Amino acid sequence: MIELKINKTQRKNNIKRSIEKNIIYPTYEQMKDPSKIPIEIIDRLKNVGLWDINPLNLFRISWKNEPKEFGGGFCDINFIELPSELTGVKAKIVALTGKWFPTGAHKVGATYGCLAPSLVSGNFDSTTQKAVWPSTGNYCRGGAFNSALLGCESIAILPEEMSAERFEWLKNLAGEVIATPGCESNVKEIFDKCWELKAARSDIKIFNQFEEFGNYLWHYEVTGNAIEEVFTKNYKSKGNVVGYISATGSGGTIAAGDYLKLKFPQMKIAASEALQCPTLLLNGYGGHRIEGIGDKHVPWIHNVRNTDAVIAVDDNDCIELIRLFNENIGKEYLVKMGLNEKLTSKLNLIGISGAANILSAIKFAKYFELTENDFVFTILTDSMELYGSRLKELNEKNGKFTHDDAARVFNKNLMGTHTADMLELSFMDKKRIHNLKYFTWIEQQQKDLNELNAQWYDYPKYWEEIRSLTPKIDELIKEFNKEAGLL
């Protein structure tokens, strides 16, 4: 699970490094509620840019950052509501926006959830070891960023076909960037590289997002809490939470659904994936273009038994949507179709995986015949700021986006979204998906078969034990900060 046994020597080294670099660690309590951050830190953030390599930006690992590039404070949670004029369904689809995290993506939170407990417990030595971040994109960006803020060296691993923006940014931050063969769905090649590094080097610690429960716990606590707060503050008197939609990805973001289902027992959790690689839906395989969601396996940290539906979306529909949402002719068409200009100007908050989540939410609403009193939540993990090169590539390959293109995409991909390629999961469907973990995690990655069985047969106790670690982690962080003496 999450190793919190104290290594006194390495912990002492990490405290010394924190003193040298003026590093203060935020707690889960503060990430959920920035009003609990010391006022002197909030004041100092007024002179810090959102993407600056400054340890103070650890306190911006929150859904509540003021949407400013420089000097922002904290505000209500950033989200957008997608109206029926855009979705074609009566249900309200609400999406939290990840753009205003440092690095422009919420994965910076998941990586902190993995790295910080290892540092404050001494299970990772920032002075002698390098943090390895295997990923299909944003996770290794967040890992490299947090490593720099926390005084660690880092190695980023990601598929060679990821966007140019990812590689260019990483080259300036990570100590080493390794490109593995393939595209978004080539996860095994990333795992193979990790084994190769472990065999060759003794100075590394691998933080594999697909198996690190710090990833699960951060989203359960912080993302889940954020969605509950958005609903309670804005919509509680208007209806009910009936769905949470998330790409399976690493199994982290979807963990927020576990939190939400405890608060709203009537709701369903739906996992989204690419139709071109329908692993959960059909035990399928293949390559696709929805960057950041990973596949061809079931993540170790995915609580499959608590997932209620699987929804596959065509990657081409997602690619077409980002053109509709970002090309001027597309935005003009949306206004013509009744969308207000204020919302249209915010559609650049939707990255490619965000488009997939939105399409999945629309399919969910249609399948379950939701009404105007029903609320479906989803996540925009990043924004088009990270995919500008993709729009350029599409224009070069397909030609200029036209009015006819806009009309076709709007009517086919949004108004015409169908409910094919999705499955409401029975008990045995869930067990089938869970059993797929065996082939990746027991046969390939040498996990413990007893733990695999515990995930299913000791349900929900197994997962409750992970969630119970939050107070202990916060206490370790507070003790670490106190010994460093920087507050």
Protein backbone atom coordinates (compact mmCIF):
# COMPACT_ATOMS: atom_id res chain seq x y z
CA MET A 1 0.00 0.00 0.00
CA ILE A 2 1.67 3.27 1.14
CA GLU A 3 4.89 2.66 3.08
CA LEU A 4 5.02 4.97 6.12
CA LYS A 5 7.55 3.14 8.30
CA ILE A 6 10.18 5.66 9.37
CA ASN A 7 13.73 5.47 8.00
CA LYS A 8 15.45 7.85 10.42
CA THR A 9 18.67 8.37 8.44
CA GLN A 10 16.99 9.19 5.13
CA ARG A 11 14.34 11.28 6.84
CA LYS A 12 17.12 13.32 8.48
CA ASN A 13 18.70 13.85 5.05
CA ASN A 14 15.37 15.06 3.68
CA ILE A 15 14.90 17.49 6.57
CA LYS A 16 18.38 18.90 5.91
CA ARG A 17 17.53 19.29 2.21
CA SER A 18 14.27 21.05 3.08
CA ILE A 19 16.12 23.53 5.29
CA GLU A 20 18.68 24.20 2.55
CA LYS A 21 16.00 24.84 -0.09
CA ASN A 22 13.33 26.37 2.14
CA ILE A 23 10.78 23.62 1.42
CA ILE A 24 7.55 23.43 3.41
CA TYR A 25 5.10 20.58 2.75
CA PRO A 26 1.33 21.15 2.49
CA THR A 27 -1.01 18.71 4.20
CA TYR A 28 -4.08 17.04 2.71
CA GLU A 29 -6.12 19.30 4.95
CA GLN A 30 -4.54 22.38 3.32
CA MET A 31 -4.85 21.04 -0.24
CA LYS A 32 -8.57 20.58 0.31
CA ASP A 33 -8.99 23.89 2.15
CA PRO A 34 -6.34 26.54 1.37
CA SER A 35 -7.80 28.83 4.04
CA LYS A 36 -5.80 26.66 6.46
CA ILE A 37 -2.50 27.60 4.81
CA PRO A 38 -0.42 29.99 6.98
CA ILE A 39 -1.04 33.60 5.97
CA GLU A 40 2.68 34.27 5.47
CA ILE A 41 2.78 31.63 2.73
CA ILE A 42 -0.30 33.06 1.04
CA ASP A 43 1.29 36.53 1.09
CA ARG A 44 4.52 35.22 -0.42
CA LEU A 45 2.62 33.51 -3.25
CA LYS A 46 1.63 36.97 -4.52
CA ASN A 47 5.10 37.20 -6.05
CA VAL A 48 5.21 33.70 -7.55
CA GLY A 49 4.10 32.57 -11.02
CA LEU A 50 1.85 29.53 -11.30
CA TRP A 51 4.48 27.46 -13.14
CA ASP A 52 7.55 28.81 -11.31
CA ILE A 53 10.03 26.30 -9.92
CA ASN A 54 9.48 27.58 -6.41
CA PRO A 55 8.68 25.38 -3.39
CA LEU A 56 5.87 27.76 -2.47
CA ASN A 57 3.96 26.37 -5.45
CA LEU A 58 3.47 23.17 -3.50
CA PHE A 59 0.68 25.09 -1.77
CA ARG A 60 -1.00 25.57 -5.15
CA ILE A 61 -1.65 21.84 -5.40
CA SER A 62 -5.36 22.51 -5.05
CA TRP A 63 -8.53 22.82 -7.13
CA LYS A 64 -8.99 26.28 -5.59
CA ASN A 65 -6.26 28.31 -7.29
CA GLU A 66 -7.23 31.73 -8.51
CA PRO A 67 -7.19 31.49 -12.35
CA LYS A 68 -4.14 33.69 -12.84
CA GLU A 69 -0.75 33.02 -14.40
CA PHE A 70 1.09 35.05 -11.74
CA GLY A 71 0.53 35.94 -8.11
CA GLY A 72 -2.83 34.30 -7.72
CA GLY A 73 -4.38 33.53 -4.37
CA PHE A 74 -7.21 31.11 -3.72
CA CYS A 75 -10.87 31.12 -4.66
CA ASP A 76 -13.82 28.81 -5.11
CA ILE A 77 -13.18 25.62 -7.07
CA ASN A 78 -12.64 26.09 -10.80
CA PHE A 79 -15.34 24.36 -12.87
CA ILE A 80 -17.59 24.84 -15.88
CA GLU A 81 -21.18 23.74 -16.44
CA LEU A 82 -21.94 22.43 -19.92
CA PRO A 83 -25.49 23.40 -20.95
CA SER A 84 -27.97 21.43 -23.02
CA GLU A 85 -27.20 23.70 -26.00
CA LEU A 86 -23.78 22.05 -26.12
CA THR A 87 -24.49 18.52 -24.90
CA GLY A 88 -27.95 17.79 -26.27
CA VAL A 89 -29.06 16.22 -22.97
CA LYS A 90 -31.28 17.52 -20.17
CA ALA A 91 -28.90 16.53 -17.37
CA LYS A 92 -26.41 19.07 -16.07
CA ILE A 93 -22.83 18.04 -16.88
CA VAL A 94 -20.32 19.78 -14.61
CA ALA A 95 -16.56 19.55 -15.13
CA LEU A 96 -13.74 20.56 -12.79
CA THR A 97 -10.96 22.33 -14.71
CA GLY A 98 -7.32 21.29 -14.23
CA LYS A 99 -5.64 24.14 -16.11
CA TRP A 100 -5.02 26.21 -12.98
CA PHE A 101 -2.80 23.70 -11.26
CA PRO A 102 0.95 24.28 -11.57
CA THR A 103 2.06 22.58 -14.85
CA GLY A 104 -1.48 23.09 -16.18
CA ALA A 105 -2.71 19.63 -15.16
CA HIS A 106 -4.12 18.00 -12.04
CA LYS A 107 -1.51 15.20 -12.14
CA VAL A 108 0.76 17.45 -10.11
CA GLY A 109 -1.51 16.53 -7.19
CA ALA A 110 -1.26 12.79 -7.76
CA THR A 111 2.54 12.94 -7.94
CA TYR A 112 2.69 14.91 -4.69
CA GLY A 113 0.46 12.26 -3.13
CA CYS A 114 3.08 9.66 -4.09
CA LEU A 115 6.32 11.53 -3.40
CA ALA A 116 5.59 13.51 -0.23
CA PRO A 117 4.79 10.52 2.04
CA SER A 118 8.02 8.83 0.92
CA LEU A 119 10.03 11.93 1.77
CA VAL A 120 8.53 12.74 5.16
CA SER A 121 8.81 9.09 6.26
CA GLY A 122 12.32 8.69 4.87
CA ASN A 123 11.43 5.92 2.43
CA PHE A 124 12.99 8.02 -0.33
CA ASP A 125 16.23 9.95 0.06
CA SER A 126 16.21 13.25 -1.82
CA THR A 127 19.99 13.57 -1.45
CA THR A 128 21.05 10.23 -2.96
CA GLN A 129 18.15 8.89 -5.03
CA LYS A 130 16.37 9.92 -8.21
CA ALA A 131 12.60 9.77 -8.58
CA VAL A 132 11.46 7.91 -11.72
CA TRP A 133 8.11 8.92 -13.18
CA PRO A 134 6.73 6.43 -15.77
CA SER A 135 3.76 7.94 -17.54
CA THR A 136 1.80 8.54 -20.71
CA GLY A 137 2.14 12.29 -20.27
CA ASN A 138 1.01 14.60 -17.51
CA TYR A 139 2.01 12.37 -14.60
CA CYS A 140 5.71 12.50 -15.46
CA ARG A 141 5.39 16.27 -15.98
CA GLY A 142 3.87 16.63 -12.52
CA GLY A 143 6.47 14.28 -11.07
CA ALA A 144 9.39 16.20 -12.57
CA PHE A 145 7.89 19.48 -11.35
CA ASN A 146 7.31 18.28 -7.78
CA SER A 147 10.74 16.65 -7.70
CA ALA A 148 12.30 20.01 -8.51
CA LEU A 149 10.20 21.76 -5.86
CA LEU A 150 11.03 19.11 -3.25
CA GLY A 151 14.77 19.10 -3.92
CA CYS A 152 14.96 15.77 -5.80
CA GLU A 153 16.42 14.73 -9.13
CA SER A 154 14.02 13.06 -11.54
CA ILE A 155 13.78 10.79 -14.58
CA ALA A 156 10.71 11.06 -16.83
CA ILE A 157 9.52 8.16 -18.99
CA LEU A 158 6.80 8.56 -21.62
CA PRO A 159 5.86 7.23 -25.09
CA GLU A 160 7.66 8.82 -28.03
CA GLU A 161 4.39 9.78 -29.77
CA MET A 162 3.19 12.13 -27.03
CA SER A 163 2.76 15.82 -27.89
CA ALA A 164 5.78 18.01 -28.58
CA GLU A 165 4.78 20.35 -25.73
CA ARG A 166 5.29 17.57 -23.19
CA PHE A 167 8.81 16.75 -24.38
CA GLU A 168 9.94 20.36 -24.73
CA TRP A 169 8.82 21.24 -21.21
CA LEU A 170 10.35 18.11 -19.66
CA LYS A 171 13.73 18.71 -21.30
CA ASN A 172 14.05 21.90 -19.26
CA LEU A 173 13.09 20.30 -15.95
CA ALA A 174 13.72 16.56 -15.63
CA GLY A 175 17.30 15.38 -15.23
CA GLU A 176 16.65 12.73 -17.88
CA VAL A 177 13.81 12.15 -20.35
CA ILE A 178 13.32 8.67 -21.79
CA ALA A 179 11.03 8.14 -24.80
CA THR A 180 9.66 4.59 -25.06
CA PRO A 181 8.25 3.02 -28.26
CA GLY A 182 4.67 3.65 -29.29
CA CYS A 183 1.72 5.84 -28.43
CA GLU A 184 -0.66 6.51 -25.58
CA SER A 185 -1.69 2.87 -25.23
CA ASN A 186 1.84 1.43 -25.12
CA VAL A 187 2.01 1.19 -21.33
CA LYS A 188 3.85 -2.13 -21.11
CA GLU A 189 6.84 -0.59 -22.89
CA ILE A 190 6.99 1.95 -20.06
CA PHE A 191 6.89 -0.82 -17.46
CA ASP A 192 9.65 -2.69 -19.31
CA LYS A 193 11.86 0.39 -19.17
CA CYS A 194 11.30 0.58 -15.40
CA TRP A 195 12.49 -3.02 -14.98
CA GLU A 196 15.53 -2.22 -17.10
CA LEU A 197 16.39 0.79 -14.92
CA LYS A 198 15.90 -1.18 -11.69
CA ALA A 199 18.27 -3.89 -12.92
CA ALA A 200 20.95 -1.38 -13.89
CA ARG A 201 20.79 1.21 -11.10
CA SER A 202 20.57 1.32 -7.32
CA ASP A 203 20.08 5.09 -6.97
CA ILE A 204 16.45 5.25 -8.15
CA LYS A 205 12.94 4.84 -6.77
CA ILE A 206 10.14 4.27 -9.24
CA PHE A 207 6.81 5.98 -8.61
CA ASN A 208 4.55 4.05 -10.99
CA GLN A 209 1.23 5.86 -11.08
CA PHE A 210 -0.64 2.69 -12.03
CA GLU A 211 0.33 0.98 -8.75
CA GLU A 212 1.05 3.86 -6.35
CA PHE A 213 -1.78 4.24 -3.84
CA GLY A 214 -0.69 7.82 -3.17
CA ASN A 215 -2.27 8.53 -6.56
CA TYR A 216 -5.54 6.86 -5.52
CA LEU A 217 -5.57 8.56 -2.11
CA TRP A 218 -4.91 12.08 -3.40
CA HIS A 219 -7.86 11.94 -5.79
CA TYR A 220 -10.10 10.23 -3.25
CA GLU A 221 -9.43 12.99 -0.72
CA VAL A 222 -8.83 16.14 -2.75
CA THR A 223 -10.72 15.65 -6.03
CA GLY A 224 -13.62 13.87 -4.38
CA ASN A 225 -13.94 16.59 -1.76
CA ALA A 226 -13.79 19.29 -4.44
CA ILE A 227 -16.66 17.79 -6.42
CA GLU A 228 -18.78 17.45 -3.30
CA GLU A 229 -18.12 21.11 -2.48
CA VAL A 230 -19.05 22.29 -5.99
CA PHE A 231 -22.34 20.43 -5.82
CA THR A 232 -23.16 21.52 -2.26
CA LYS A 233 -22.42 25.20 -2.88
CA ASN A 234 -24.01 25.52 -6.31
CA TYR A 235 -26.55 22.79 -7.03
CA LYS A 236 -27.76 21.02 -3.89
CA SER A 237 -31.23 22.56 -4.04
CA LYS A 238 -31.57 21.82 -7.76
CA GLY A 239 -31.20 18.06 -7.95
CA ASN A 240 -29.03 15.05 -7.22
CA VAL A 241 -25.58 13.73 -8.10
CA VAL A 242 -26.25 10.65 -10.22
CA GLY A 243 -22.95 10.08 -12.00
CA TYR A 244 -19.19 10.55 -11.96
CA ILE A 245 -17.32 9.97 -15.21
CA SER A 246 -13.57 9.49 -15.47
CA ALA A 247 -11.17 7.94 -17.93
CA THR A 248 -9.66 4.91 -16.24
CA GLY A 249 -6.16 6.22 -16.92
CA SER A 250 -3.94 5.27 -14.02
CA GLY A 251 -6.85 4.47 -11.69
CA GLY A 252 -6.24 7.71 -9.78
CA THR A 253 -8.83 10.24 -10.98
CA ILE A 254 -11.60 7.66 -10.94
CA ALA A 255 -10.90 7.15 -7.21
CA ALA A 256 -12.78 10.38 -6.52
CA GLY A 257 -15.88 8.34 -7.33
CA ASP A 258 -15.24 6.14 -4.30
CA TYR A 259 -15.45 9.25 -2.10
CA LEU A 260 -18.53 10.56 -3.89
CA LYS A 261 -20.43 7.30 -3.68
CA LEU A 262 -20.11 7.39 0.11
CA LYS A 263 -21.67 10.86 0.06
CA PHE A 264 -24.24 10.15 -2.68
CA PRO A 265 -25.00 6.39 -2.49
CA GLN A 266 -27.48 6.53 -5.38
CA MET A 267 -24.86 7.63 -7.92
CA LYS A 268 -22.94 5.52 -10.43
CA ILE A 269 -19.26 5.58 -11.37
CA ALA A 270 -18.48 5.19 -15.09
CA ALA A 271 -15.04 4.48 -16.53
CA SER A 272 -14.24 6.01 -19.91
CA GLU A 273 -11.78 4.56 -22.42
CA ALA A 274 -10.91 4.76 -26.11
CA LEU A 275 -12.98 2.68 -28.51
CA GLN A 276 -9.75 1.95 -30.38
CA CYS A 277 -8.44 0.17 -27.26
CA PRO A 278 -11.50 -1.16 -25.36
CA THR A 279 -9.67 -3.03 -22.61
CA LEU A 280 -12.38 -2.87 -19.95
CA LEU A 281 -15.25 -3.10 -22.41
CA LEU A 282 -14.05 -6.01 -24.56
CA ASN A 283 -10.66 -7.11 -23.19
CA GLY A 284 -9.50 -5.26 -26.29
CA TYR A 285 -6.24 -3.73 -27.44
CA GLY A 286 -4.95 -1.22 -29.96
CA GLY A 287 -3.55 2.28 -30.30
CA HIS A 288 -5.37 5.59 -29.95
CA ARG A 289 -4.91 9.36 -29.75
CA ILE A 290 -6.55 10.35 -26.45
CA GLU A 291 -3.39 11.44 -24.67
CA GLY A 292 -3.16 10.84 -20.93
CA ILE A 293 -5.57 7.95 -20.31
CA GLY A 294 -3.40 4.81 -20.68
CA ASP A 295 -4.75 1.31 -21.36
CA LYS A 296 -4.14 -2.34 -22.44
CA HIS A 297 -4.24 -3.20 -18.76
CA VAL A 298 -6.27 -2.58 -15.60
CA PRO A 299 -4.42 -0.35 -13.12
CA TRP A 300 -3.51 -2.01 -9.82
CA ILE A 301 -5.11 0.89 -7.91
CA HIS A 302 -8.43 0.86 -9.79
CA ASN A 303 -11.22 -0.20 -7.43
CA VAL A 304 -13.07 -2.13 -10.13
CA ARG A 305 -15.69 -3.55 -7.77
CA ASN A 306 -17.03 -0.05 -7.18
CA THR A 307 -17.27 0.83 -10.90
CA ASP A 308 -20.75 0.65 -12.42
CA ALA A 309 -20.31 1.22 -16.16
CA VAL A 310 -17.71 1.32 -18.93
CA ILE A 311 -18.05 3.79 -21.79
CA ALA A 312 -15.89 3.73 -24.92
CA VAL A 313 -15.51 6.83 -27.10
CA ASP A 314 -14.01 7.13 -30.56
CA ASP A 315 -10.70 8.99 -30.44
CA ASN A 316 -11.53 10.71 -33.72
CA ASP A 317 -14.64 12.23 -32.15
CA CYS A 318 -12.42 13.70 -29.42
CA ILE A 319 -9.92 15.06 -31.94
CA GLU A 320 -12.73 16.67 -33.93
CA LEU A 321 -14.19 18.22 -30.78
CA ILE A 322 -10.97 20.03 -29.89
CA ARG A 323 -11.03 21.61 -33.35
CA LEU A 324 -14.67 22.66 -32.91
CA PHE A 325 -13.90 24.13 -29.49
CA ASN A 326 -10.72 26.00 -30.50
CA GLU A 327 -10.91 27.06 -34.14
CA ASN A 328 -12.55 30.47 -34.58
CA ILE A 329 -15.04 29.15 -37.12
CA GLY A 330 -16.04 26.43 -34.66
CA LYS A 331 -16.62 28.85 -31.81
CA GLU A 332 -18.63 31.13 -34.09
CA TYR A 333 -20.81 28.19 -35.06
CA LEU A 334 -21.42 27.28 -31.42
CA VAL A 335 -22.57 30.81 -30.65
CA LYS A 336 -24.88 30.61 -33.63
CA MET A 337 -26.34 27.40 -32.17
CA GLY A 338 -27.18 29.12 -28.87
CA LEU A 339 -24.05 28.81 -26.76
CA ASN A 340 -23.19 32.02 -24.91
CA GLU A 341 -19.89 33.67 -25.81
CA LYS A 342 -18.59 33.61 -22.24
CA LEU A 343 -18.70 29.81 -22.14
CA THR A 344 -17.40 29.54 -25.69
CA SER A 345 -14.32 31.48 -24.63
CA LYS A 346 -13.67 28.86 -21.93
CA LEU A 347 -13.77 25.79 -24.18
CA ASN A 348 -9.98 25.91 -24.46
CA LEU A 349 -10.04 24.58 -20.88
CA ILE A 350 -10.89 21.19 -22.41
CA GLY A 351 -7.94 19.02 -23.44
CA ILE A 352 -8.21 15.81 -25.46
CA SER A 353 -8.94 13.54 -22.48
CA GLY A 354 -11.40 16.16 -21.23
CA ALA A 355 -13.26 15.88 -24.54
CA ALA A 356 -13.38 12.10 -24.03
CA ASN A 357 -14.81 12.55 -20.54
CA ILE A 358 -17.46 14.95 -21.82
CA LEU A 359 -18.55 12.61 -24.61
CA SER A 360 -18.72 9.78 -22.08
CA ALA A 361 -20.84 11.93 -19.77
CA ILE A 362 -23.25 12.65 -22.62
CA LYS A 363 -23.51 8.93 -23.44
CA PHE A 364 -24.08 8.22 -19.72
CA ALA A 365 -26.88 10.79 -19.56
CA LYS A 366 -28.57 9.36 -22.66
CA TYR A 367 -28.24 5.72 -21.59
CA PHE A 368 -29.72 6.30 -18.14
CA GLU A 369 -32.34 8.76 -19.51
CA LEU A 370 -31.37 11.50 -17.09
CA THR A 371 -33.48 14.59 -16.49
CA GLU A 372 -32.85 18.25 -15.74
CA ASN A 373 -32.74 17.36 -12.03
CA ASP A 374 -29.73 15.07 -12.51
CA PHE A 375 -26.09 16.13 -12.19
CA VAL A 376 -23.16 14.32 -13.76
CA PHE A 377 -19.62 15.32 -12.77
CA THR A 378 -16.42 14.81 -14.68
CA ILE A 379 -12.86 16.11 -14.88
CA LEU A 380 -10.91 18.22 -17.37
CA THR A 381 -7.46 17.02 -16.43
CA ASP A 382 -5.67 19.63 -18.54
CA SER A 383 -6.34 22.21 -21.25
CA MET A 384 -5.48 22.93 -24.87
CA GLU A 385 -2.45 24.85 -23.64
CA LEU A 386 -0.68 21.47 -23.77
CA TYR A 387 -1.88 20.52 -27.26
CA GLY A 388 -1.33 23.52 -29.52
CA SER A 389 0.92 21.41 -31.76
CA ARG A 390 -1.92 18.95 -32.31
CA LEU A 391 -4.16 21.67 -33.79
CA LYS A 392 -1.34 22.70 -36.11
CA GLU A 393 -0.81 19.07 -37.18
CA LEU A 394 -4.54 18.65 -37.86
CA ASN A 395 -4.67 21.75 -40.01
CA GLU A 396 -1.66 20.58 -41.99
CA LYS A 397 -3.09 17.11 -42.46
CA ASN A 398 -6.82 17.80 -42.96
CA GLY A 399 -6.90 21.37 -44.17
CA LYS A 400 -8.57 24.42 -42.70
CA PHE A 401 -11.52 23.82 -40.38
CA THR A 402 -14.65 25.07 -42.16
CA HIS A 403 -18.24 26.00 -41.35
CA ASP A 404 -19.36 22.68 -42.81
CA ASP A 405 -16.87 20.86 -40.58
CA ALA A 406 -18.24 22.70 -37.54
CA ALA A 407 -21.84 21.78 -38.42
CA ARG A 408 -20.91 18.14 -38.99
CA VAL A 409 -18.95 17.78 -35.74
CA PHE A 410 -21.59 19.57 -33.67
CA ASN A 411 -24.47 17.48 -34.99
CA LYS A 412 -22.65 14.14 -35.16
CA ASN A 413 -20.35 14.20 -32.14
CA LEU A 414 -22.45 16.20 -29.68
CA MET A 415 -26.15 16.22 -30.62
CA GLY A 416 -25.85 12.81 -32.28
CA THR A 417 -23.88 11.00 -29.59
CA HIS A 418 -25.15 7.42 -29.32
CA THR A 419 -25.18 4.88 -26.50
CA ALA A 420 -23.40 2.09 -28.34
CA ASP A 421 -20.03 0.83 -27.09
CA MET A 422 -20.90 1.04 -23.41
CA LEU A 423 -21.74 -1.53 -20.76
CA GLU A 424 -23.58 -1.31 -17.46
CA LEU A 425 -21.53 -3.67 -15.31
CA SER A 426 -22.99 -6.72 -13.62
CA PHE A 427 -21.20 -8.35 -10.68
CA MET A 428 -19.57 -10.85 -13.03
CA ASP A 429 -18.57 -8.10 -15.48
CA LYS A 430 -16.72 -6.38 -12.64
CA LYS A 431 -15.04 -9.61 -11.64
CA ARG A 432 -13.96 -10.22 -15.25
CA ILE A 433 -12.31 -6.80 -15.38
CA HIS A 434 -10.70 -7.25 -11.97
CA ASN A 435 -9.29 -10.61 -13.06
CA LEU A 436 -7.45 -8.91 -15.93
CA LYS A 437 -5.15 -7.43 -13.29
CA TYR A 438 -3.61 -10.88 -12.87
CA PHE A 439 -1.88 -10.91 -16.24
CA THR A 440 -0.24 -7.49 -15.85
CA TRP A 441 0.42 -7.30 -12.14
CA ILE A 442 1.07 -10.89 -11.02
CA GLU A 443 2.63 -12.44 -14.15
CA GLN A 444 4.51 -9.37 -15.41
CA GLN A 445 5.05 -7.04 -12.46
CA GLN A 446 5.49 -9.63 -9.68
CA LYS A 447 2.79 -8.36 -7.35
CA ASP A 448 1.43 -10.52 -4.53
CA LEU A 449 -1.49 -12.74 -5.55
CA ASN A 450 -2.86 -12.56 -2.00
CA GLU A 451 -3.16 -8.79 -2.32
CA LEU A 452 -4.93 -9.10 -5.66
CA ASN A 453 -7.47 -11.39 -4.03
CA ALA A 454 -7.78 -9.04 -1.06
CA GLN A 455 -8.78 -6.19 -3.38
CA TRP A 456 -11.82 -8.25 -4.39
CA TYR A 457 -12.66 -10.58 -1.53
CA ASP A 458 -11.78 -8.21 1.34
CA TYR A 459 -13.94 -5.50 -0.18
CA PRO A 460 -14.46 -2.81 1.06
CA LYS A 461 -12.01 -3.32 3.96
CA TYR A 462 -8.94 -3.35 1.69
CA TRP A 463 -9.81 0.07 0.25
CA GLU A 464 -10.92 1.50 3.59
CA GLU A 465 -7.49 0.74 5.05
CA ILE A 466 -5.85 2.82 2.31
CA ARG A 467 -8.23 5.73 2.91
CA SER A 468 -7.57 5.59 6.64
CA LEU A 469 -3.94 6.65 6.06
CA THR A 470 -4.70 10.32 5.37
CA PRO A 471 -4.57 11.54 9.01
CA LYS A 472 -1.31 9.66 9.57
CA ILE A 473 0.27 11.21 6.46
CA ASP A 474 -0.83 14.68 7.55
CA GLU A 475 0.65 14.09 10.99
CA LEU A 476 3.97 12.98 9.46
CA ILE A 477 4.00 16.13 7.30
CA LYS A 478 3.34 18.37 10.29
CA GLU A 479 6.10 16.70 12.33
CA PHE A 480 8.51 16.97 9.40
CA ASN A 481 7.75 20.68 8.90
CA LYS A 482 8.13 21.31 12.63
CA GLU A 483 11.56 19.68 12.72
CA ALA A 484 12.66 21.64 9.65
CA GLY A 485 11.60 24.79 11.52
CA LEU A 486 10.67 26.86 8.47
CA LEU A 487 7.12 27.83 9.45
